[in-house]
Protein backbone atom coordinates (compact mmCIF):
# COMPACT_ATOMS: atom_id res chain seq x y z
CA MET A 1 50.36 109.81 -181.39
CA THR A 2 48.64 107.69 -178.77
CA ASN A 3 48.27 108.81 -175.19
CA ASN A 4 49.24 105.86 -173.00
CA ASN A 5 48.94 107.83 -169.79
CA ARG A 6 46.44 106.24 -167.37
CA ASN A 7 44.95 109.56 -166.29
CA GLY A 8 44.06 110.50 -169.86
CA TYR A 9 46.26 113.59 -169.92
CA ASN A 10 48.98 114.12 -172.42
CA ASN A 11 52.38 114.20 -170.72
CA ASN A 12 53.04 117.65 -172.19
CA SER A 13 49.94 119.30 -170.75
CA GLN A 14 49.90 121.04 -167.41
CA ARG A 15 46.90 119.73 -165.58
CA GLY A 16 44.67 122.56 -164.38
CA ARG A 17 46.48 125.16 -166.46
CA ASP A 18 44.52 124.77 -169.71
CA ASN A 19 42.35 127.78 -170.57
CA ASN A 20 39.40 125.45 -171.18
CA ASP A 21 39.89 123.62 -167.89
CA PRO A 22 36.95 124.36 -165.55
CA ARG A 23 39.17 123.86 -162.49
CA GLY A 24 40.72 127.26 -163.19
CA ASP A 25 37.27 128.83 -162.95
CA LEU A 26 36.58 126.90 -159.74
CA GLU A 27 39.76 128.32 -158.21
CA LYS A 28 38.51 131.83 -159.09
CA ILE A 29 35.06 131.08 -157.69
CA GLU A 30 36.39 129.64 -154.43
CA GLN A 31 39.01 132.28 -153.73
CA LYS A 32 38.29 133.13 -150.07
CA LEU A 33 37.88 136.84 -149.37
CA PRO A 34 37.50 138.48 -145.97
CA ILE A 35 34.30 140.03 -144.68
CA ASP A 36 36.07 142.64 -142.61
CA ASP A 37 35.38 146.23 -141.57
CA LYS A 38 36.47 147.50 -144.98
CA PHE A 39 34.00 145.14 -146.71
CA LYS A 40 31.22 146.16 -144.32
CA SER A 41 31.77 149.85 -145.07
CA GLU A 42 32.16 149.46 -148.84
CA TYR A 43 29.80 146.64 -149.84
CA VAL A 44 27.37 148.98 -151.62
CA ASN A 45 30.12 150.48 -153.78
CA THR A 46 31.52 147.02 -154.41
CA ALA A 47 28.10 145.77 -155.56
CA HIS A 48 27.76 148.78 -157.86
CA ASP A 49 31.17 148.14 -159.41
CA VAL A 50 30.44 144.43 -159.89
CA ILE A 51 27.12 144.97 -161.65
CA CYS A 52 28.46 147.82 -163.79
CA GLY A 53 31.41 145.61 -164.75
CA LEU A 54 29.32 142.76 -166.14
CA SER A 55 29.74 142.43 -169.88
CA LYS A 56 26.59 143.06 -171.88
CA GLY A 57 26.69 139.59 -173.44
CA LYS A 58 26.93 137.67 -170.17
CA VAL A 59 24.51 139.33 -167.79
CA ILE A 60 22.76 137.08 -165.32
CA THR A 61 18.99 137.25 -165.67
CA ARG A 62 16.82 138.77 -162.97
CA THR A 63 15.05 135.44 -162.56
CA LYS A 64 18.31 133.58 -162.01
CA ILE A 65 19.75 136.05 -159.52
CA ARG A 66 16.46 136.06 -157.58
CA SER A 67 16.28 132.25 -157.53
CA ILE A 68 19.81 132.11 -156.09
CA TYR A 69 18.93 134.77 -153.53
CA ASN A 70 15.70 132.97 -152.57
CA MET A 71 17.76 130.02 -151.37
CA LEU A 72 19.67 132.43 -149.15
CA CYS A 73 16.38 133.93 -147.92
CA ASP A 74 15.42 130.59 -146.39
CA ILE A 75 18.54 130.76 -144.23
CA ILE A 76 17.87 134.40 -143.35
CA ALA A 77 14.36 133.46 -142.22
CA SER A 78 15.57 130.60 -140.06
CA GLU A 79 18.10 132.89 -138.35
CA SER A 80 15.89 135.96 -137.98
CA ASN A 81 14.67 135.27 -134.45
CA SER A 82 17.99 134.18 -132.99
CA GLU A 83 20.00 136.53 -130.79
CA LYS A 84 23.11 134.36 -130.68
CA SER A 85 26.35 135.67 -132.15
CA THR A 86 26.82 132.43 -134.06
CA LEU A 87 24.75 130.73 -136.72
CA SER A 88 22.96 127.46 -136.01
CA SER A 89 24.49 124.24 -137.31
CA GLU A 90 21.48 123.87 -139.62
CA SER A 91 22.17 127.27 -141.15
CA ILE A 92 25.85 126.48 -141.61
CA THR A 93 24.88 123.27 -143.42
CA ALA A 94 22.36 125.22 -145.51
CA LEU A 95 25.07 127.74 -146.45
CA MET A 96 27.28 124.92 -147.72
CA MET A 97 24.35 123.58 -149.75
CA PHE A 98 23.82 127.11 -151.04
CA LYS A 99 27.45 127.07 -152.20
CA VAL A 100 26.93 123.76 -153.99
CA HIS A 101 23.77 125.08 -155.67
CA VAL A 102 25.55 128.22 -156.88
CA ILE A 103 28.49 126.23 -158.24
CA TYR A 104 26.06 123.91 -160.03
CA GLU A 105 24.36 126.94 -161.61
CA CYS A 106 27.78 128.22 -162.70
CA GLY A 107 28.28 124.99 -164.61
CA ARG A 108 24.91 125.38 -166.33
CA ASP A 109 25.08 129.05 -167.29
CA ASP A 110 28.08 131.17 -168.30
CA ALA A 111 26.29 134.35 -167.24
CA VAL A 112 25.89 132.95 -163.71
CA LYS A 113 29.55 131.94 -163.71
CA ALA A 114 30.62 135.44 -164.76
CA PHE A 115 28.43 136.95 -162.05
CA VAL A 116 29.78 134.62 -159.36
CA ILE A 117 33.41 135.16 -160.35
CA ASN A 118 33.04 138.95 -160.49
CA SER A 119 30.93 139.31 -157.35
CA HIS A 120 32.97 136.81 -155.30
CA ILE A 121 29.78 135.59 -153.61
CA ILE A 122 31.37 132.20 -152.93
CA GLY A 123 34.66 133.73 -151.78
CA TYR A 124 32.87 135.90 -149.24
CA LEU A 125 30.60 133.00 -148.25
CA LEU A 126 33.66 130.95 -147.32
CA ASP A 127 34.66 133.60 -144.77
CA ILE A 128 31.36 133.58 -142.89
CA GLY A 129 32.17 130.53 -140.80
CA THR A 130 29.75 130.66 -137.86
CA SER A 131 29.64 134.46 -137.51
CA ARG A 132 26.19 136.03 -137.56
CA ALA A 133 27.70 139.50 -138.15
CA LYS A 134 29.53 138.29 -141.25
CA PHE A 135 26.42 136.50 -142.48
CA GLU A 136 24.36 139.67 -142.11
CA ALA A 137 26.99 141.72 -143.97
CA TYR A 138 27.05 139.08 -146.71
CA CYS A 139 23.26 139.25 -147.08
CA LYS A 140 23.35 143.05 -147.33
CA TYR A 141 25.99 142.76 -150.04
CA PHE A 142 23.86 140.26 -151.96
CA GLU A 143 20.81 142.53 -151.63
CA SER A 144 22.91 145.40 -153.02
CA LEU A 145 23.90 143.27 -156.00
CA ILE A 146 20.23 142.57 -156.69
CA ALA A 147 19.29 146.23 -156.35
CA TYR A 148 21.95 147.45 -158.78
CA HIS A 149 21.17 144.63 -161.17
CA ARG A 150 17.48 145.56 -161.13
CA PHE A 151 18.27 149.22 -161.72
CA LEU A 152 20.83 148.75 -164.49
CA TYR A 153 19.26 145.81 -166.32
CA VAL A 154 15.53 146.50 -166.09
CA ASP A 155 14.82 145.05 -169.54
CA LYS A 156 16.70 141.79 -168.89
CA ASP A 157 14.36 138.73 -168.67
């Protein structure tokens, strides 16, 4: 049976609904989550649960998680001396590039994808906007993820 559809999809398929369709993963990755008071008070426990919940076969390596975090560290450094309640436009742009970098890494490595989906680091990132307070809470959460990963997966790498 020949598919004469211009978009290349079979008329019977539901676009975006196929289990092998990466757009479904992208929707999971980009699900926006709030950085609210509850998040700020529970981020350590959340990080613990995320790292403990990673399956043994798909654990992000220490090198990979650190390389992702190092990109965030550049933004932290550029914002460290500012006393404004909002982030600079350069930092906001850098955060969006950080998002692109993380999504790219998800496409390269299933362990990174599993980590990003389970930790919601993109979902929380999308809620930062221009808020310095949310950015700082996000960074603390990411640092907690690294700490629990280091403790629980010391032999990884």
